[in-house]
């Protein structure tokens, strides 16, 4: 039930698929050929991105009447969310940039046009929609810091417009109270008091669903201890 074209790394040579497209006599055969060409090209990288998008779009033109419509919808959306279009960097090089907005539109189209049970991709598409749209936030540090050194921390976020942060002092011999039978880590069981510092970061989120990361520095020095 999880098989799809190319799942085991087996692909029909591209010239054969292009010949199949040339001799196709109906919408179903043409949609199938475009779909197989897109699936064959999608992991080849380089300048193939625009053609991959065109082939998927051609595969979708015939609409739900073709057998391959839901396959093309799902795999086109997945390709957009994982690989996406080529974007030119300032130094002249190129990088792939996922297009989450377009991917979300296609995943929603699939779950609107097909009811649960009509396509095997329904639950996966629902999960992808949640993954793209839900708020995500993490904060971490890479190591311990020497007294008096610059304190650096790492923020990662998605679908968040503002981040409120707080720094709490911790006495490890007093504030770690382990509860019998609890599956929580010791960090989750810390007994926090009042923060010594609170601050806010505006992320300038534009609603494009892209995961952002940034290294930040604590603006002032703090006393030696655990926080």
C-alpha atoms as a PDB file:
ATOM      1  CA  UNK A   1       0.000   0.000   0.000  1.00  0.00           C
ATOM      2  CA  UNK A   2       2.977   2.360   0.379  1.00  0.00           C
ATOM      3  CA  UNK A   3       4.409   1.785  -3.089  1.00  0.00           C
ATOM      4  CA  UNK A   4       4.626   4.630  -5.584  1.00  0.00           C
ATOM      5  CA  UNK A   5       6.522   4.997  -8.854  1.00  0.00           C
ATOM      6  CA  UNK A   6      10.230   5.206  -8.059  1.00  0.00           C
ATOM      7  CA  UNK A   7       9.827   3.831  -4.515  1.00  0.00           C
ATOM      8  CA  UNK A   8      12.552   1.217  -5.026  1.00  0.00           C
ATOM      9  CA  UNK A   9      14.710   3.457  -7.193  1.00  0.00           C
ATOM     10  CA  UNK A  10      13.444   1.902 -10.412  1.00  0.00           C
ATOM     11  CA  UNK A  11      12.663   4.449 -13.121  1.00  0.00           C
ATOM     12  CA  UNK A  12      11.695   4.123 -16.760  1.00  0.00           C
ATOM     13  CA  UNK A  13      14.325   5.883 -18.937  1.00  0.00           C
ATOM     14  CA  UNK A  14      13.220   9.433 -19.720  1.00  0.00           C
ATOM     15  CA  UNK A  15      13.302   9.059 -23.555  1.00  0.00           C
ATOM     16  CA  UNK A  16      10.801   6.197 -23.320  1.00  0.00           C
ATOM     17  CA  UNK A  17       8.422   8.314 -21.232  1.00  0.00           C
ATOM     18  CA  UNK A  18       8.783  11.237 -23.641  1.00  0.00           C
ATOM     19  CA  UNK A  19       7.944   8.930 -26.548  1.00  0.00           C
ATOM     20  CA  UNK A  20       4.932   7.632 -24.610  1.00  0.00           C
ATOM     21  CA  UNK A  21       3.732  11.235 -24.211  1.00  0.00           C
ATOM     22  CA  UNK A  22       4.074  11.852 -27.957  1.00  0.00           C
ATOM     23  CA  UNK A  23       1.865   8.891 -28.893  1.00  0.00           C
ATOM     24  CA  UNK A  24      -0.700   9.297 -26.092  1.00  0.00           C
ATOM     25  CA  UNK A  25      -4.206   9.552 -27.552  1.00  0.00           C
ATOM     26  CA  UNK A  26      -6.351  10.545 -24.554  1.00  0.00           C
ATOM     27  CA  UNK A  27      -6.244  12.692 -21.414  1.00  0.00           C
ATOM     28  CA  UNK A  28      -5.667   9.729 -19.114  1.00  0.00           C
ATOM     29  CA  UNK A  29      -2.582   8.546 -21.005  1.00  0.00           C
ATOM     30  CA  UNK A  30      -1.214  12.081 -21.294  1.00  0.00           C
ATOM     31  CA  UNK A  31      -1.739  12.736 -17.566  1.00  0.00           C
ATOM     32  CA  UNK A  32      -0.041   9.443 -16.744  1.00  0.00           C
ATOM     33  CA  UNK A  33       2.963  10.245 -18.952  1.00  0.00           C
ATOM     34  CA  UNK A  34       3.365  13.755 -17.501  1.00  0.00           C
ATOM     35  CA  UNK A  35       3.108  12.328 -13.983  1.00  0.00           C
ATOM     36  CA  UNK A  36       5.774   9.676 -14.644  1.00  0.00           C
ATOM     37  CA  UNK A  37       8.110  12.247 -16.247  1.00  0.00           C
ATOM     38  CA  UNK A  38       7.731  14.553 -13.221  1.00  0.00           C
ATOM     39  CA  UNK A  39       8.401  11.686 -10.821  1.00  0.00           C
ATOM     40  CA  UNK A  40      11.455  10.640 -12.847  1.00  0.00           C
ATOM     41  CA  UNK A  41      12.955  14.147 -12.853  1.00  0.00           C
ATOM     42  CA  UNK A  42      12.112  15.347  -9.343  1.00  0.00           C
ATOM     43  CA  UNK A  43      15.286  14.084  -7.626  1.00  0.00           C
ATOM     44  CA  UNK A  44      17.727  14.907 -10.432  1.00  0.00           C
ATOM     45  CA  UNK A  45      18.427  18.429  -9.116  1.00  0.00           C
ATOM     46  CA  UNK A  46      20.231  21.073 -11.147  1.00  0.00           C
ATOM     47  CA  UNK A  47      17.990  23.057 -13.490  1.00  0.00           C
ATOM     48  CA  UNK A  48      15.263  20.403 -13.607  1.00  0.00           C
ATOM     49  CA  UNK A  49      13.063  22.206 -11.049  1.00  0.00           C
ATOM     50  CA  UNK A  50      11.033  24.316 -13.512  1.00  0.00           C
ATOM     51  CA  UNK A  51      10.373  21.303 -15.717  1.00  0.00           C
ATOM     52  CA  UNK A  52       9.323  19.157 -12.758  1.00  0.00           C
ATOM     53  CA  UNK A  53       6.738  21.808 -11.859  1.00  0.00           C
ATOM     54  CA  UNK A  54       5.480  22.026 -15.462  1.00  0.00           C
ATOM     55  CA  UNK A  55       5.129  18.242 -15.781  1.00  0.00           C
ATOM     56  CA  UNK A  56       3.151  17.982 -12.534  1.00  0.00           C
ATOM     57  CA  UNK A  57       0.922  20.865 -13.632  1.00  0.00           C
ATOM     58  CA  UNK A  58       0.255  19.169 -16.971  1.00  0.00           C
ATOM     59  CA  UNK A  59      -0.584  15.938 -15.146  1.00  0.00           C
ATOM     60  CA  UNK A  60      -3.214  17.833 -13.120  1.00  0.00           C
ATOM     61  CA  UNK A  61      -4.907  19.585 -16.039  1.00  0.00           C
ATOM     62  CA  UNK A  62      -7.343  16.769 -16.804  1.00  0.00           C
ATOM     63  CA  UNK A  63      -8.667  16.960 -13.255  1.00  0.00           C
ATOM     64  CA  UNK A  64     -10.143  14.280 -11.051  1.00  0.00           C
ATOM     65  CA  UNK A  65     -11.377  12.272 -14.028  1.00  0.00           C
ATOM     66  CA  UNK A  66      -7.933  10.686 -14.472  1.00  0.00           C
ATOM     67  CA  UNK A  67      -6.627   7.863 -12.324  1.00  0.00           C
ATOM     68  CA  UNK A  68      -3.394   9.735 -11.556  1.00  0.00           C
ATOM     69  CA  UNK A  69      -4.864  13.011 -10.331  1.00  0.00           C
ATOM     70  CA  UNK A  70      -4.508  12.332  -6.584  1.00  0.00           C
ATOM     71  CA  UNK A  71      -0.996  10.901  -7.087  1.00  0.00           C
ATOM     72  CA  UNK A  72       0.084  14.027  -8.954  1.00  0.00           C
ATOM     73  CA  UNK A  73      -1.511  16.334  -6.356  1.00  0.00           C
ATOM     74  CA  UNK A  74       0.189  14.663  -3.423  1.00  0.00           C
ATOM     75  CA  UNK A  75       3.656  14.191  -4.918  1.00  0.00           C
ATOM     76  CA  UNK A  76       3.708  17.676  -6.453  1.00  0.00           C
ATOM     77  CA  UNK A  77       2.815  19.160  -3.053  1.00  0.00           C
ATOM     78  CA  UNK A  78       5.416  16.988  -1.340  1.00  0.00           C
ATOM     79  CA  UNK A  79       8.092  18.019  -3.847  1.00  0.00           C
ATOM     80  CA  UNK A  80       7.233  21.704  -3.304  1.00  0.00           C
ATOM     81  CA  UNK A  81       7.482  21.336   0.487  1.00  0.00           C
ATOM     82  CA  UNK A  82      10.757  19.386   0.380  1.00  0.00           C
ATOM     83  CA  UNK A  83      12.643  20.752  -2.631  1.00  0.00           C
ATOM     84  CA  UNK A  84      10.784  23.610  -4.284  1.00  0.00           C
ATOM     85  CA  UNK A  85      12.074  26.192  -6.693  1.00  0.00           C
ATOM     86  CA  UNK A  86      15.655  27.228  -7.416  1.00  0.00           C
ATOM     87  CA  UNK A  87      16.657  30.601  -5.938  1.00  0.00           C
ATOM     88  CA  UNK A  88      19.796  32.520  -6.903  1.00  0.00           C
ATOM     89  CA  UNK A  89      22.110  33.531  -4.044  1.00  0.00           C
ATOM     90  CA  UNK A  90      24.020  36.809  -3.843  1.00  0.00           C
ATOM     91  CA  UNK A  91      27.255  35.031  -4.838  1.00  0.00           C
ATOM     92  CA  UNK A  92      25.715  33.655  -8.039  1.00  0.00           C
ATOM     93  CA  UNK A  93      25.140  30.135  -6.737  1.00  0.00           C
ATOM     94  CA  UNK A  94      21.712  28.523  -6.461  1.00  0.00           C
ATOM     95  CA  UNK A  95      19.780  26.875  -3.670  1.00  0.00           C
ATOM     96  CA  UNK A  96      16.484  25.060  -3.382  1.00  0.00           C
ATOM     97  CA  UNK A  97      13.762  26.925  -1.491  1.00  0.00           C
ATOM     98  CA  UNK A  98      10.577  25.055  -0.518  1.00  0.00           C
ATOM     99  CA  UNK A  99       7.310  26.698  -1.549  1.00  0.00           C
ATOM    100  CA  UNK A 100       5.133  25.920   1.465  1.00  0.00           C
ATOM    101  CA  UNK A 101       2.281  28.191   0.381  1.00  0.00           C
ATOM    102  CA  UNK A 102       1.768  26.377  -2.904  1.00  0.00           C
ATOM    103  CA  UNK A 103       2.297  22.991  -1.235  1.00  0.00           C
ATOM    104  CA  UNK A 104      -0.353  23.830   1.369  1.00  0.00           C
ATOM    105  CA  UNK A 105      -2.769  24.853  -1.372  1.00  0.00           C
ATOM    106  CA  UNK A 106      -2.314  21.469  -3.112  1.00  0.00           C
ATOM    107  CA  UNK A 107      -2.590  19.404   0.081  1.00  0.00           C
ATOM    108  CA  UNK A 108      -5.828  21.237   0.903  1.00  0.00           C
ATOM    109  CA  UNK A 109      -7.088  20.717  -2.621  1.00  0.00           C
ATOM    110  CA  UNK A 110      -6.530  16.975  -2.243  1.00  0.00           C
ATOM    111  CA  UNK A 111      -8.411  16.769   1.071  1.00  0.00           C
ATOM    112  CA  UNK A 112     -11.241  18.874  -0.377  1.00  0.00           C
ATOM    113  CA  UNK A 113     -11.687  17.026  -3.657  1.00  0.00           C
ATOM    114  CA  UNK A 114     -11.290  13.567  -2.122  1.00  0.00           C
ATOM    115  CA  UNK A 115     -13.025  12.144   0.924  1.00  0.00           C
ATOM    116  CA  UNK A 116     -11.255   9.831   3.357  1.00  0.00           C
ATOM    117  CA  UNK A 117     -11.185   6.409   1.707  1.00  0.00           C
ATOM    118  CA  UNK A 118     -11.234   7.803  -1.846  1.00  0.00           C
ATOM    119  CA  UNK A 119      -7.468   8.328  -1.914  1.00  0.00           C
ATOM    120  CA  UNK A 120      -4.697   6.638   0.015  1.00  0.00           C
ATOM    121  CA  UNK A 121      -3.020  10.033   0.498  1.00  0.00           C
ATOM    122  CA  UNK A 122      -5.813  11.567   2.595  1.00  0.00           C
ATOM    123  CA  UNK A 123      -4.291  11.011   6.054  1.00  0.00           C
ATOM    124  CA  UNK A 124      -0.794  11.913   4.839  1.00  0.00           C
ATOM    125  CA  UNK A 125      -2.081  15.141   3.318  1.00  0.00           C
ATOM    126  CA  UNK A 126      -3.861  16.034   6.580  1.00  0.00           C
ATOM    127  CA  UNK A 127      -0.629  15.419   8.493  1.00  0.00           C
ATOM    128  CA  UNK A 128       1.335  17.570   6.024  1.00  0.00           C
ATOM    129  CA  UNK A 129      -1.166  20.424   6.418  1.00  0.00           C
ATOM    130  CA  UNK A 130      -0.764  20.322  10.191  1.00  0.00           C
ATOM    131  CA  UNK A 131       3.024  20.119   9.906  1.00  0.00           C
ATOM    132  CA  UNK A 132       3.183  23.193   7.662  1.00  0.00           C
ATOM    133  CA  UNK A 133       0.750  25.358   9.629  1.00  0.00           C
ATOM    134  CA  UNK A 134       1.354  24.541  13.305  1.00  0.00           C
ATOM    135  CA  UNK A 135       3.547  26.852  15.441  1.00  0.00           C
ATOM    136  CA  UNK A 136       7.048  25.486  16.117  1.00  0.00           C
ATOM    137  CA  UNK A 137       9.571  26.943  18.563  1.00  0.00           C
ATOM    138  CA  UNK A 138      12.771  25.743  20.197  1.00  0.00           C
ATOM    139  CA  UNK A 139      15.578  27.391  22.143  1.00  0.00           C
ATOM    140  CA  UNK A 140      18.918  25.779  22.956  1.00  0.00           C
ATOM    141  CA  UNK A 141      22.538  26.421  23.807  1.00  0.00           C
ATOM    142  CA  UNK A 142      25.489  24.565  22.300  1.00  0.00           C
ATOM    143  CA  UNK A 143      27.638  24.257  25.410  1.00  0.00           C
ATOM    144  CA  UNK A 144      28.534  25.533  28.888  1.00  0.00           C
ATOM    145  CA  UNK A 145      30.038  28.997  29.201  1.00  0.00           C
ATOM    146  CA  UNK A 146      33.039  30.265  31.138  1.00  0.00           C
ATOM    147  CA  UNK A 147      32.306  33.050  33.668  1.00  0.00           C
ATOM    148  CA  UNK A 148      32.474  36.419  31.944  1.00  0.00           C
ATOM    149  CA  UNK A 149      32.246  34.958  28.444  1.00  0.00           C
ATOM    150  CA  UNK A 150      29.693  35.866  25.788  1.00  0.00           C
ATOM    151  CA  UNK A 151      26.485  33.888  26.249  1.00  0.00           C
ATOM    152  CA  UNK A 152      25.018  32.673  22.974  1.00  0.00           C
ATOM    153  CA  UNK A 153      21.776  30.810  22.394  1.00  0.00           C
ATOM    154  CA  UNK A 154      19.998  29.412  19.353  1.00  0.00           C
ATOM    155  CA  UNK A 155      16.398  30.062  18.335  1.00  0.00           C
ATOM    156  CA  UNK A 156      14.427  28.092  15.767  1.00  0.00           C
ATOM    157  CA  UNK A 157      10.820  28.951  14.901  1.00  0.00           C
ATOM    158  CA  UNK A 158       8.033  28.618  12.379  1.00  0.00           C
ATOM    159  CA  UNK A 159       4.619  30.300  12.216  1.00  0.00           C
ATOM    160  CA  UNK A 160       5.468  32.437  15.271  1.00  0.00           C
ATOM    161  CA  UNK A 161       5.255  36.245  15.178  1.00  0.00           C
ATOM    162  CA  UNK A 162       6.695  36.979  18.624  1.00  0.00           C
ATOM    163  CA  UNK A 163       8.856  35.016  21.065  1.00  0.00           C
ATOM    164  CA  UNK A 164       8.835  35.754  24.807  1.00  0.00           C
ATOM    165  CA  UNK A 165      11.962  34.571  26.614  1.00  0.00           C
ATOM    166  CA  UNK A 166      12.893  34.410  30.288  1.00  0.00           C
ATOM    167  CA  UNK A 167      16.117  33.519  32.115  1.00  0.00           C
ATOM    168  CA  UNK A 168      15.709  31.699  35.434  1.00  0.00           C
ATOM    169  CA  UNK A 169      18.456  31.024  37.987  1.00  0.00           C
ATOM    170  CA  UNK A 170      18.539  27.389  39.134  1.00  0.00           C
ATOM    171  CA  UNK A 171      20.092  25.855  42.239  1.00  0.00           C
ATOM    172  CA  UNK A 172      20.753  22.298  41.110  1.00  0.00           C
ATOM    173  CA  UNK A 173      20.988  20.993  44.694  1.00  0.00           C
ATOM    174  CA  UNK A 174      17.656  22.531  45.659  1.00  0.00           C
ATOM    175  CA  UNK A 175      15.430  22.986  42.614  1.00  0.00           C
ATOM    176  CA  UNK A 176      15.675  19.518  41.061  1.00  0.00           C
ATOM    177  CA  UNK A 177      12.945  17.507  42.767  1.00  0.00           C
ATOM    178  CA  UNK A 178      12.527  14.112  41.126  1.00  0.00           C
ATOM    179  CA  UNK A 179       9.068  12.592  41.405  1.00  0.00           C
ATOM    180  CA  UNK A 180       8.727   8.850  41.855  1.00  0.00           C
ATOM    181  CA  UNK A 181       7.259   7.153  38.794  1.00  0.00           C
ATOM    182  CA  UNK A 182       7.461  10.255  36.604  1.00  0.00           C
ATOM    183  CA  UNK A 183       8.576   9.862  32.995  1.00  0.00           C
ATOM    184  CA  UNK A 184       9.548  13.537  32.767  1.00  0.00           C
ATOM    185  CA  UNK A 185      13.202  14.455  32.404  1.00  0.00           C
ATOM    186  CA  UNK A 186      14.887  16.201  35.326  1.00  0.00           C
ATOM    187  CA  UNK A 187      14.778  19.500  33.425  1.00  0.00           C
ATOM    188  CA  UNK A 188      10.989  19.248  33.184  1.00  0.00           C
ATOM    189  CA  UNK A 189      10.828  18.786  36.974  1.00  0.00           C
ATOM    190  CA  UNK A 190      12.764  21.931  37.883  1.00  0.00           C
ATOM    191  CA  UNK A 191      11.102  24.141  40.492  1.00  0.00           C
ATOM    192  CA  UNK A 192      11.499  27.603  38.962  1.00  0.00           C
ATOM    193  CA  UNK A 193      11.372  30.845  40.921  1.00  0.00           C
ATOM    194  CA  UNK A 194      11.360  34.377  39.500  1.00  0.00           C
ATOM    195  CA  UNK A 195      13.255  35.116  36.262  1.00  0.00           C
ATOM    196  CA  UNK A 196      16.157  37.541  36.470  1.00  0.00           C
ATOM    197  CA  UNK A 197      15.519  38.730  32.929  1.00  0.00           C
ATOM    198  CA  UNK A 198      12.659  38.692  30.411  1.00  0.00           C
ATOM    199  CA  UNK A 199      12.717  39.909  26.839  1.00  0.00           C
ATOM    200  CA  UNK A 200      10.855  39.640  23.558  1.00  0.00           C
ATOM    201  CA  UNK A 201      11.927  38.963  19.994  1.00  0.00           C
ATOM    202  CA  UNK A 202       9.761  39.987  17.056  1.00  0.00           C
ATOM    203  CA  UNK A 203      10.321  37.470  14.261  1.00  0.00           C
ATOM    204  CA  UNK A 204       8.847  39.565  11.419  1.00  0.00           C
ATOM    205  CA  UNK A 205       7.102  36.417  10.239  1.00  0.00           C
ATOM    206  CA  UNK A 206       5.596  36.976   6.781  1.00  0.00           C
ATOM    207  CA  UNK A 207       3.291  33.965   6.767  1.00  0.00           C
ATOM    208  CA  UNK A 208       5.355  31.926   4.291  1.00  0.00           C
ATOM    209  CA  UNK A 209       5.603  28.924   6.693  1.00  0.00           C
ATOM    210  CA  UNK A 210       9.412  28.762   6.409  1.00  0.00           C
ATOM    211  CA  UNK A 211      11.450  27.468   9.367  1.00  0.00           C
ATOM    212  CA  UNK A 212      13.810  30.204  10.566  1.00  0.00           C
ATOM    213  CA  UNK A 213      16.905  29.965  12.741  1.00  0.00           C
ATOM    214  CA  UNK A 214      19.096  32.564  14.390  1.00  0.00           C
ATOM    215  CA  UNK A 215      22.013  32.682  16.828  1.00  0.00           C
ATOM    216  CA  UNK A 216      21.400  35.291  19.543  1.00  0.00           C
ATOM    217  CA  UNK A 217      23.634  36.819  22.209  1.00  0.00           C
ATOM    218  CA  UNK A 218      22.629  37.636  25.775  1.00  0.00           C
ATOM    219  CA  UNK A 219      23.118  41.385  26.010  1.00  0.00           C
ATOM    220  CA  UNK A 220      24.538  41.547  29.541  1.00  0.00           C
ATOM    221  CA  UNK A 221      26.825  39.362  31.621  1.00  0.00           C
ATOM    222  CA  UNK A 222      25.394  37.190  34.395  1.00  0.00           C
ATOM    223  CA  UNK A 223      26.835  35.774  37.598  1.00  0.00           C
ATOM    224  CA  UNK A 224      28.403  32.298  37.542  1.00  0.00           C
ATOM    225  CA  UNK A 225      25.782  29.632  38.158  1.00  0.00           C
ATOM    226  CA  UNK A 226      23.137  27.515  36.497  1.00  0.00           C
ATOM    227  CA  UNK A 227      20.283  29.012  34.504  1.00  0.00           C
END
